[in-house]
């Protein structure tokens, strides 16, 4: 398996896998299939544009994109020591094989390479123990629970807030 930063040439594969995730696991994402299905190629390519402090990573089996995870960064001066993990998704047939842990570990290595970033935060559906286990195994700690954070098809879902601090 190869894990690397995605680039604009990966936009079609990224968009396809992202839409699969939004359809298959709508309670795992703040965004929805309906919000992203009609995104233009330019918007998707811009999302994948190379930046020195954020990006979208992909896990590949051969030429097939099998997992994705994004690292964002807070933009405000008082908050930009924090990054956030977003959009983690692994193709259903590849789950249980360590893809998500390897992928997130690579994202965290990238975050650690940026001296100004001292922590990475994430939110995860409280009903997703497998994801919570992966994040905990990588050093994330829970610091809160937001009740009724997401509403999908009239049902609400709690989200667990987790954080990983680097160094001091």
Protein backbone atom coordinates (compact mmCIF):
# COMPACT_ATOMS: atom_id res chain seq x y z
CA UNK A 1 0.00 0.00 0.00
CA UNK A 2 1.22 3.48 -0.89
CA UNK A 3 0.08 6.57 1.03
CA UNK A 4 0.74 10.01 -0.44
CA UNK A 5 -0.61 13.51 -0.78
CA UNK A 6 -3.22 13.71 -3.49
CA UNK A 7 -2.85 16.16 -6.35
CA UNK A 8 -5.22 17.61 -8.94
CA UNK A 9 -4.72 14.58 -11.21
CA UNK A 10 -6.31 12.48 -8.45
CA UNK A 11 -9.48 14.59 -8.42
CA UNK A 12 -11.74 12.10 -10.26
CA UNK A 13 -10.72 9.18 -8.01
CA UNK A 14 -10.95 11.31 -4.88
CA UNK A 15 -14.40 12.64 -5.79
CA UNK A 16 -15.68 9.16 -6.57
CA UNK A 17 -14.44 7.66 -3.29
CA UNK A 18 -15.62 10.68 -1.30
CA UNK A 19 -19.12 10.37 -2.78
CA UNK A 20 -19.11 6.66 -1.98
CA UNK A 21 -18.36 7.51 1.64
CA UNK A 22 -21.01 10.19 1.84
CA UNK A 23 -23.61 7.76 0.46
CA UNK A 24 -22.53 4.70 2.43
CA UNK A 25 -21.82 6.37 5.79
CA UNK A 26 -23.77 9.65 5.94
CA UNK A 27 -23.56 9.81 9.74
CA UNK A 28 -19.76 9.88 9.57
CA UNK A 29 -19.44 13.22 7.81
CA UNK A 30 -20.63 16.79 8.35
CA UNK A 31 -20.97 17.19 4.59
CA UNK A 32 -23.61 15.36 2.57
CA UNK A 33 -23.75 13.58 -0.75
CA UNK A 34 -26.23 16.17 -2.00
CA UNK A 35 -23.82 19.01 -1.16
CA UNK A 36 -20.87 17.44 -2.98
CA UNK A 37 -22.27 15.43 -5.90
CA UNK A 38 -22.33 18.38 -8.30
CA UNK A 39 -19.01 19.94 -7.32
CA UNK A 40 -17.07 21.02 -10.36
CA UNK A 41 -13.73 19.54 -11.31
CA UNK A 42 -12.14 22.95 -10.64
CA UNK A 43 -13.44 23.02 -7.05
CA UNK A 44 -12.23 19.48 -6.38
CA UNK A 45 -8.83 20.17 -7.94
CA UNK A 46 -8.53 23.31 -5.80
CA UNK A 47 -9.29 21.24 -2.71
CA UNK A 48 -6.38 18.96 -3.64
CA UNK A 49 -3.96 21.79 -4.48
CA UNK A 50 -0.57 21.44 -2.83
CA UNK A 51 -0.09 23.51 0.31
CA UNK A 52 2.70 23.34 2.85
CA UNK A 53 0.47 23.00 5.92
CA UNK A 54 -2.63 21.05 4.87
CA UNK A 55 -3.70 18.50 2.31
CA UNK A 56 -5.66 15.43 1.40
CA UNK A 57 -3.90 12.08 1.57
CA UNK A 58 -4.78 8.92 -0.27
CA UNK A 59 -4.00 5.26 0.28
CA UNK A 60 -3.52 3.26 -2.90
CA UNK A 61 -3.55 -0.42 -3.69
CA UNK A 62 -1.79 -0.41 -7.02
CA UNK A 63 -3.48 2.41 -8.92
CA UNK A 64 -6.76 2.11 -6.98
CA UNK A 65 -7.52 4.78 -4.40
CA UNK A 66 -8.79 2.84 -1.36
CA UNK A 67 -8.72 5.42 1.43
CA UNK A 68 -8.71 9.15 1.99
CA UNK A 69 -8.05 11.52 4.89
CA UNK A 70 -7.67 15.28 5.03
CA UNK A 71 -5.67 17.58 7.26
CA UNK A 72 -7.00 21.11 7.61
CA UNK A 73 -5.65 23.98 9.64
CA UNK A 74 -7.27 26.70 11.63
CA UNK A 75 -6.77 30.05 9.89
CA UNK A 76 -7.09 32.55 12.73
CA UNK A 77 -3.81 33.64 14.32
CA UNK A 78 -4.79 32.54 17.83
CA UNK A 79 -5.96 29.15 16.58
CA UNK A 80 -3.50 28.25 13.82
CA UNK A 81 -1.40 26.06 16.11
CA UNK A 82 -4.25 23.56 15.64
CA UNK A 83 -4.96 21.29 12.71
CA UNK A 84 -7.94 19.01 12.22
CA UNK A 85 -8.38 15.60 10.69
CA UNK A 86 -11.36 15.36 8.35
CA UNK A 87 -12.99 13.12 5.79
CA UNK A 88 -11.42 9.80 6.77
CA UNK A 89 -12.92 7.03 4.66
CA UNK A 90 -11.77 3.58 3.56
CA UNK A 91 -13.44 1.53 0.83
CA UNK A 92 -15.66 -1.14 2.45
CA UNK A 93 -13.75 -4.08 0.95
CA UNK A 94 -10.48 -2.78 2.46
CA UNK A 95 -11.64 -2.28 6.03
CA UNK A 96 -10.01 -4.32 8.77
CA UNK A 97 -6.69 -4.44 6.95
CA UNK A 98 -5.02 -1.49 8.69
CA UNK A 99 -5.59 1.04 5.91
CA UNK A 100 -7.17 3.70 8.11
CA UNK A 101 -4.48 3.47 10.79
CA UNK A 102 -1.67 3.66 8.23
CA UNK A 103 -3.36 6.52 6.40
CA UNK A 104 -4.03 8.57 9.55
CA UNK A 105 -0.49 7.89 10.83
CA UNK A 106 0.87 9.38 7.60
CA UNK A 107 -1.37 12.45 7.99
CA UNK A 108 -0.11 12.85 11.56
CA UNK A 109 3.52 12.55 10.43
CA UNK A 110 2.85 15.36 7.97
CA UNK A 111 1.23 17.47 10.72
CA UNK A 112 4.21 16.86 13.03
CA UNK A 113 6.56 18.09 10.29
CA UNK A 114 5.02 21.56 10.53
CA UNK A 115 6.65 23.24 13.55
CA UNK A 116 3.75 25.61 14.21
CA UNK A 117 1.19 22.80 14.58
CA UNK A 118 1.05 21.55 18.16
CA UNK A 119 -2.19 19.58 18.09
CA UNK A 120 -4.61 17.80 15.80
CA UNK A 121 -8.31 17.62 16.61
CA UNK A 122 -11.11 15.52 15.18
CA UNK A 123 -14.73 14.62 15.70
CA UNK A 124 -16.10 11.13 15.24
CA UNK A 125 -19.59 9.66 15.45
CA UNK A 126 -20.02 8.33 18.98
CA UNK A 127 -21.58 5.16 17.48
CA UNK A 128 -18.39 4.28 15.57
CA UNK A 129 -16.25 2.30 18.04
CA UNK A 130 -13.91 1.02 15.31
CA UNK A 131 -12.90 4.57 14.33
CA UNK A 132 -12.61 5.66 17.96
CA UNK A 133 -10.32 2.66 18.57
CA UNK A 134 -8.07 3.61 15.62
CA UNK A 135 -7.77 7.20 16.82
CA UNK A 136 -7.11 6.15 20.43
CA UNK A 137 -4.43 3.70 19.26
CA UNK A 138 -2.67 6.63 17.55
CA UNK A 139 -2.65 8.69 20.73
CA UNK A 140 -5.83 10.76 20.45
CA UNK A 141 -7.69 11.41 23.68
CA UNK A 142 -11.38 12.18 24.08
CA UNK A 143 -12.12 15.59 25.56
CA UNK A 144 -15.81 15.96 25.01
CA UNK A 145 -19.04 14.73 23.53
CA UNK A 146 -21.43 16.90 21.57
CA UNK A 147 -24.96 15.64 21.91
CA UNK A 148 -27.13 15.77 18.80
CA UNK A 149 -24.24 17.11 16.73
CA UNK A 150 -25.42 15.75 13.38
CA UNK A 151 -28.92 15.41 12.04
CA UNK A 152 -29.33 12.90 9.24
CA UNK A 153 -32.79 12.00 7.91
CA UNK A 154 -34.45 13.42 11.01
CA UNK A 155 -32.30 11.46 13.48
CA UNK A 156 -29.60 13.03 15.63
CA UNK A 157 -26.16 11.61 16.38
CA UNK A 158 -23.63 12.48 19.05
CA UNK A 159 -20.03 13.19 18.15
CA UNK A 160 -16.95 12.57 20.26
CA UNK A 161 -14.27 15.28 20.21
CA UNK A 162 -10.69 14.00 20.31
CA UNK A 163 -7.29 15.68 20.33
CA UNK A 164 -3.67 14.66 19.92
CA UNK A 165 -1.04 17.04 21.36
CA UNK A 166 2.52 17.12 20.08
CA UNK A 167 5.45 17.79 22.40
CA UNK A 168 4.88 20.07 25.36
